[in-house]
N, C-alpha and C. Protein backbone atom coordinates (compact mmCIF):
# COMPACT_ATOMS: atom_id res chain seq x y z
N UNK A 1 113.86 119.09 56.60
CA UNK A 1 112.50 118.94 56.71
C UNK A 1 112.30 117.36 56.57
N UNK A 2 112.79 116.86 55.60
CA UNK A 2 112.59 115.33 55.37
C UNK A 2 113.02 114.46 56.49
N UNK A 3 114.08 114.80 57.12
CA UNK A 3 114.59 114.11 58.29
C UNK A 3 113.61 114.35 59.48
N UNK A 4 113.12 115.46 59.60
CA UNK A 4 112.16 115.75 60.66
C UNK A 4 110.72 115.01 60.26
N UNK A 5 110.32 115.01 59.07
CA UNK A 5 109.17 114.19 58.71
C UNK A 5 109.47 112.76 58.89
N UNK A 6 110.67 112.30 58.61
CA UNK A 6 110.84 110.50 58.95
C UNK A 6 110.85 110.50 60.56
N UNK A 7 111.31 111.31 61.12
CA UNK A 7 111.50 111.25 62.56
C UNK A 7 109.92 111.05 63.27
N UNK A 8 109.16 112.23 62.65
CA UNK A 8 107.75 112.14 63.16
C UNK A 8 106.97 110.74 62.75
N UNK A 9 107.40 110.37 61.61
CA UNK A 9 106.65 109.16 61.23
C UNK A 9 106.92 107.80 61.87
N UNK A 10 108.38 107.87 62.14
CA UNK A 10 108.93 106.86 63.05
C UNK A 10 108.24 106.75 64.53
N UNK A 11 108.35 108.06 65.09
CA UNK A 11 107.61 108.06 66.33
C UNK A 11 106.13 107.74 66.48
N UNK A 12 105.46 108.17 65.31
CA UNK A 12 104.11 107.64 65.18
C UNK A 12 103.90 106.03 65.23
N UNK A 13 104.71 105.65 64.33
CA UNK A 13 104.76 104.12 64.27
C UNK A 13 105.01 103.37 65.64
N UNK A 14 105.91 103.86 66.25
CA UNK A 14 106.39 103.39 67.52
C UNK A 14 105.28 103.57 68.59
N UNK A 15 104.68 104.83 68.73
CA UNK A 15 103.56 104.92 69.40
C UNK A 15 102.38 104.07 69.31
N UNK A 16 101.88 103.88 67.89
CA UNK A 16 101.01 102.95 67.70
C UNK A 16 101.31 101.67 68.08
N UNK A 17 102.39 101.10 68.00
CA UNK A 17 102.79 99.84 68.34
C UNK A 17 102.57 99.63 69.72
N UNK A 18 103.25 100.56 70.56
CA UNK A 18 103.26 100.60 71.87
C UNK A 18 101.79 100.67 72.74
N UNK A 19 101.04 101.44 71.99
CA UNK A 19 99.65 101.69 72.71
C UNK A 19 99.04 100.55 72.56
N UNK A 20 98.93 99.77 71.60
CA UNK A 20 98.11 98.60 71.45
C UNK A 20 98.48 97.07 71.86
N UNK A 21 99.76 97.15 72.36
CA UNK A 21 100.35 95.82 72.98
C UNK A 21 99.60 95.63 74.14
N UNK A 22 98.52 94.58 74.29
CA UNK A 22 97.89 94.26 75.50
C UNK A 22 98.77 93.41 76.55
N UNK A 23 99.81 92.84 76.16
CA UNK A 23 100.62 91.89 77.15
C UNK A 23 101.55 92.72 77.66
N UNK A 24 101.86 93.73 77.37
CA UNK A 24 103.09 94.55 78.02
C UNK A 24 102.69 95.87 78.31
N UNK A 25 102.75 96.28 79.74
CA UNK A 25 102.47 97.47 80.43
C UNK A 25 103.48 98.34 80.10
N UNK A 26 103.06 99.55 79.62
CA UNK A 26 104.22 100.53 79.17
C UNK A 26 103.70 102.13 79.64
N UNK A 27 104.37 102.65 80.46
CA UNK A 27 103.89 103.95 81.04
C UNK A 27 105.06 104.82 80.71
N UNK A 28 104.60 106.37 80.52
CA UNK A 28 105.72 107.24 80.36
C UNK A 28 105.33 108.45 81.40
N UNK A 29 106.19 108.78 82.00
CA UNK A 29 105.96 109.85 82.82
C UNK A 29 107.09 110.98 82.77
N UNK A 30 106.79 112.12 83.30
CA UNK A 30 107.70 113.15 83.10
C UNK A 30 108.69 113.32 84.61
N UNK A 31 109.58 114.25 84.71
CA UNK A 31 110.28 114.40 85.91
C UNK A 31 109.30 114.57 87.20
N UNK A 32 108.07 115.19 87.02
CA UNK A 32 107.26 115.46 88.16
C UNK A 32 106.59 114.12 88.47
N UNK A 33 106.64 113.16 87.80
CA UNK A 33 106.14 111.79 88.08
C UNK A 33 104.71 111.60 87.52
N UNK A 34 104.17 112.86 86.74
CA UNK A 34 103.02 112.54 86.21
C UNK A 34 102.86 111.93 85.17
N UNK A 35 101.95 110.88 84.66
CA UNK A 35 101.78 109.96 83.73
C UNK A 35 101.50 110.88 82.53
N UNK A 36 102.16 110.56 81.54
CA UNK A 36 102.00 111.21 80.16
C UNK A 36 101.53 110.13 79.14
N UNK A 37 101.88 108.99 79.44
CA UNK A 37 101.47 107.92 78.36
C UNK A 37 101.05 106.69 79.21
N UNK A 38 99.97 105.83 78.87
CA UNK A 38 99.36 104.79 79.31
C UNK A 38 98.88 103.91 78.34
N UNK A 39 99.50 102.62 78.14
CA UNK A 39 98.97 101.91 77.10
C UNK A 39 97.99 100.82 77.41
N UNK A 40 97.40 100.21 76.59
CA UNK A 40 96.30 99.03 76.71
C UNK A 40 96.97 98.00 77.79
N UNK A 41 98.28 97.64 77.77
CA UNK A 41 98.76 96.66 78.60
C UNK A 41 98.54 97.13 80.16
N UNK A 42 98.83 98.59 80.24
CA UNK A 42 98.91 99.30 81.67
C UNK A 42 97.39 99.37 82.12
N UNK A 43 96.41 99.42 81.25
CA UNK A 43 95.24 99.46 81.55
C UNK A 43 94.73 98.16 82.17
N UNK A 44 95.20 96.92 81.65
CA UNK A 44 94.73 95.80 81.77
C UNK A 44 95.34 95.27 83.29
N UNK A 45 96.60 95.47 83.32
CA UNK A 45 97.39 95.13 84.51
C UNK A 45 96.96 95.94 85.78
N UNK A 46 96.79 97.26 85.57
CA UNK A 46 96.70 98.13 86.70
C UNK A 46 95.14 98.44 86.97
N UNK A 47 94.30 98.36 86.02
CA UNK A 47 92.93 98.67 86.00
C UNK A 47 92.49 100.29 85.74
N UNK A 48 93.45 100.98 85.64
CA UNK A 48 93.22 102.54 85.46
C UNK A 48 93.03 102.65 83.89
N UNK A 49 92.13 103.39 83.28
CA UNK A 49 92.08 103.60 81.83
C UNK A 49 93.13 104.68 81.51
N UNK A 50 93.47 104.75 80.28
CA UNK A 50 94.63 105.93 79.87
C UNK A 50 94.08 107.36 80.43
N UNK A 51 92.84 107.53 80.21
CA UNK A 51 92.12 108.79 80.42
C UNK A 51 91.96 108.99 82.05
N UNK A 52 92.06 107.93 82.81
CA UNK A 52 92.00 107.94 84.15
C UNK A 52 93.54 108.45 84.69
N UNK A 53 94.39 107.66 84.11
CA UNK A 53 95.91 107.78 84.59
C UNK A 53 96.47 108.92 84.13
N UNK A 54 96.56 109.40 83.00
CA UNK A 54 97.13 110.60 82.47
C UNK A 54 96.83 111.70 83.22
N UNK A 55 98.06 112.37 83.71
CA UNK A 55 97.93 113.63 84.46
C UNK A 55 98.15 113.49 86.00
N UNK A 56 97.89 112.07 86.31
CA UNK A 56 98.16 111.65 87.79
C UNK A 56 99.45 111.27 87.96
N UNK A 57 99.87 111.31 89.38
CA UNK A 57 101.25 110.73 89.92
C UNK A 57 101.46 109.19 89.50
N UNK A 58 102.34 108.77 89.05
CA UNK A 58 102.58 107.31 88.83
C UNK A 58 102.75 106.75 90.46
N UNK A 59 103.17 107.44 91.24
CA UNK A 59 103.03 107.02 92.67
C UNK A 59 101.95 106.57 93.30
N UNK A 60 100.82 107.38 92.92
CA UNK A 60 99.51 107.21 93.42
C UNK A 60 98.67 106.07 92.67
N UNK A 61 99.25 105.59 91.34
CA UNK A 61 98.56 104.79 90.67
C UNK A 61 99.07 103.45 90.84
N UNK A 62 100.38 103.32 91.05
CA UNK A 62 100.91 101.91 90.99
C UNK A 62 101.95 101.43 91.98
N UNK A 63 102.44 102.48 92.71
CA UNK A 63 103.42 102.38 93.83
C UNK A 63 102.64 102.09 95.23
N UNK A 64 103.03 100.98 95.79
CA UNK A 64 102.39 100.88 97.17
C UNK A 64 102.87 101.96 98.24
N UNK A 65 102.05 102.43 99.02
CA UNK A 65 102.24 103.45 99.80
C UNK A 65 103.50 103.31 100.75
N UNK A 66 103.75 102.24 101.14
CA UNK A 66 105.17 101.98 101.94
C UNK A 66 106.32 102.27 101.20
N UNK A 67 106.04 102.38 99.57
CA UNK A 67 107.50 102.30 98.91
C UNK A 67 107.39 103.80 98.26
N UNK A 68 106.41 104.62 98.49
CA UNK A 68 106.45 105.90 97.75
C UNK A 68 107.68 106.61 97.90
N UNK A 69 108.06 106.94 99.16
CA UNK A 69 109.09 107.78 99.42
C UNK A 69 110.42 107.21 98.78
N UNK A 70 110.59 105.99 98.91
CA UNK A 70 111.90 105.48 98.25
C UNK A 70 111.72 105.69 96.85
N UNK A 71 110.90 105.26 96.19
CA UNK A 71 110.68 105.37 94.78
C UNK A 71 110.90 106.92 94.25
N UNK A 72 110.40 107.84 95.01
CA UNK A 72 110.35 109.31 94.72
C UNK A 72 111.89 109.76 94.83
N UNK A 73 112.51 109.16 95.89
CA UNK A 73 113.91 109.73 95.94
C UNK A 73 114.70 108.99 95.04
N UNK A 74 114.58 107.93 94.69
CA UNK A 74 115.19 107.18 93.47
C UNK A 74 115.01 107.77 92.21
N UNK A 75 114.00 108.34 91.82
CA UNK A 75 113.47 109.06 90.64
C UNK A 75 114.29 110.38 90.66
N UNK A 76 114.38 111.16 91.87
CA UNK A 76 114.95 112.44 91.84
C UNK A 76 116.50 112.43 91.79
N UNK A 77 117.06 111.13 92.18
CA UNK A 77 118.48 111.03 91.92
C UNK A 77 118.79 110.61 90.46
């Protein structure tokens, strides 16, 4: 239980750090390429708020249309 509590605390510290770094864009997404995490830096760089980005495909948000198939294939590999 103590190890689990330490892991949760460590994850929370990491999340707080990454969420509020304005100069570095960080995104997290699943195998389906749907955004699960979108930090302040991503908001500033790409113009989508975290609320707007989460749940949407990263392909639609930041990948140019001409590159989407290539990126999708690379991610599947």
